Each structure stands twice: as structure tokens, then as C-alpha cells.
Amino acid sequence: MATKAKVALGLVLIVAGAVLALLFREDEFLWFRGGPLGVVLVVVGVLDLGEALWRARGRAEVERRE
């Protein structure tokens, strides 16, 4: 997946998770409650965003060496 797409996906997950965790804490989606599901989405989004930025930084260092 392209770096820009991974960054965008990470940001979308963080925003969606924050909205679920803050605004829909007690609502249920299938068998998930909004609060815990929101926290999990935020964590996954931060990890995805961190991985995308880490790989982009590594790629930039390799290009600089060549």
C-alpha cells in the first residue's frame, strides 16, 4: 500500500476511534460497545500511522545514501 494511503488510513482510524470512544461510549455495534472499540481503533490507527512514517523515513534515508 502506498505511504500516503497508509497515512490516510491511520488518520481515519484515529478519528473514527476517537469519535466512538468519546461520543458513542455506551452504544453497541453488533456485540461491541463504542468506548472499547474506539480505543482499539485509535491504537490500531496510531500503530498503522507510525509504521507508515517509519517506512517512509527509512526509504528516504536509503535514497539519500545512493
Protein backbone atom coordinates (compact mmCIF):
# COMPACT_ATOMS: atom_id res chain seq x y z
CA MET A 1 0.00 0.00 0.00
CA ALA A 2 1.30 3.46 -0.81
CA THR A 3 2.65 5.60 2.01
CA LYS A 4 0.05 8.34 1.51
CA ALA A 5 -2.76 5.79 1.64
CA LYS A 6 -1.39 4.21 4.84
CA VAL A 7 -1.07 7.63 6.46
CA ALA A 8 -4.64 8.50 5.43
CA LEU A 9 -5.94 5.16 6.73
CA GLY A 10 -4.15 5.67 10.05
CA LEU A 11 -5.65 9.15 10.44
CA VAL A 12 -9.14 7.88 9.57
CA LEU A 13 -8.85 5.09 12.16
CA ILE A 14 -7.69 7.54 14.83
CA VAL A 15 -10.53 9.98 14.14
CA ALA A 16 -13.19 7.25 13.94
CA GLY A 17 -11.91 5.65 17.13
CA ALA A 18 -11.87 8.96 18.96
CA VAL A 19 -15.45 9.70 17.89
CA LEU A 20 -16.60 6.25 19.05
CA ALA A 21 -14.70 6.48 22.34
CA LEU A 22 -15.87 9.99 23.18
CA LEU A 23 -19.37 10.31 21.74
CA PHE A 24 -20.76 6.77 21.48
CA ARG A 25 -19.29 5.22 24.60
CA GLU A 26 -22.41 3.29 25.67
CA ASP A 27 -23.85 2.44 22.25
CA GLU A 28 -23.50 -1.10 20.90
CA PHE A 29 -22.35 -2.04 17.40
CA LEU A 30 -23.12 -5.70 16.88
CA TRP A 31 -21.56 -7.13 20.07
CA PHE A 32 -19.04 -4.29 20.61
CA ARG A 33 -19.56 -1.27 22.82
CA GLY A 34 -18.46 2.07 21.36
CA GLY A 35 -15.93 3.02 24.04
CA PRO A 36 -13.65 -0.03 23.97
CA LEU A 37 -13.99 -0.38 20.19
CA GLY A 38 -12.99 3.27 19.82
CA VAL A 39 -9.90 2.78 21.97
CA VAL A 40 -8.87 -0.26 19.92
CA LEU A 41 -9.34 1.69 16.68
CA VAL A 42 -7.21 4.56 17.99
CA VAL A 43 -4.42 2.18 18.99
CA VAL A 44 -4.51 0.40 15.61
CA GLY A 45 -4.53 3.77 13.84
CA VAL A 46 -1.52 5.02 15.79
CA LEU A 47 0.39 1.82 15.05
CA ASP A 48 -0.50 1.99 11.36
CA LEU A 49 0.47 5.66 11.14
CA GLY A 50 3.73 5.02 12.98
CA GLU A 51 4.61 2.12 10.68
CA ALA A 52 3.90 4.18 7.56
CA LEU A 53 6.04 7.07 8.78
CA TRP A 54 8.81 4.72 9.92
CA ARG A 55 8.98 3.06 6.50
CA ALA A 56 8.87 6.42 4.70
CA ARG A 57 11.73 7.67 6.86
CA GLY A 58 13.76 4.53 6.16
CA ARG A 59 13.14 4.84 2.43
CA ALA A 60 14.24 8.50 2.49
CA GLU A 61 17.49 7.55 4.24
CA VAL A 62 18.23 4.85 1.65
CA GLU A 63 17.61 7.30 -1.20
CA ARG A 64 19.89 9.87 0.43
CA ARG A 65 22.76 7.35 0.60
CA GLU A 66 22.56 6.49 -3.08
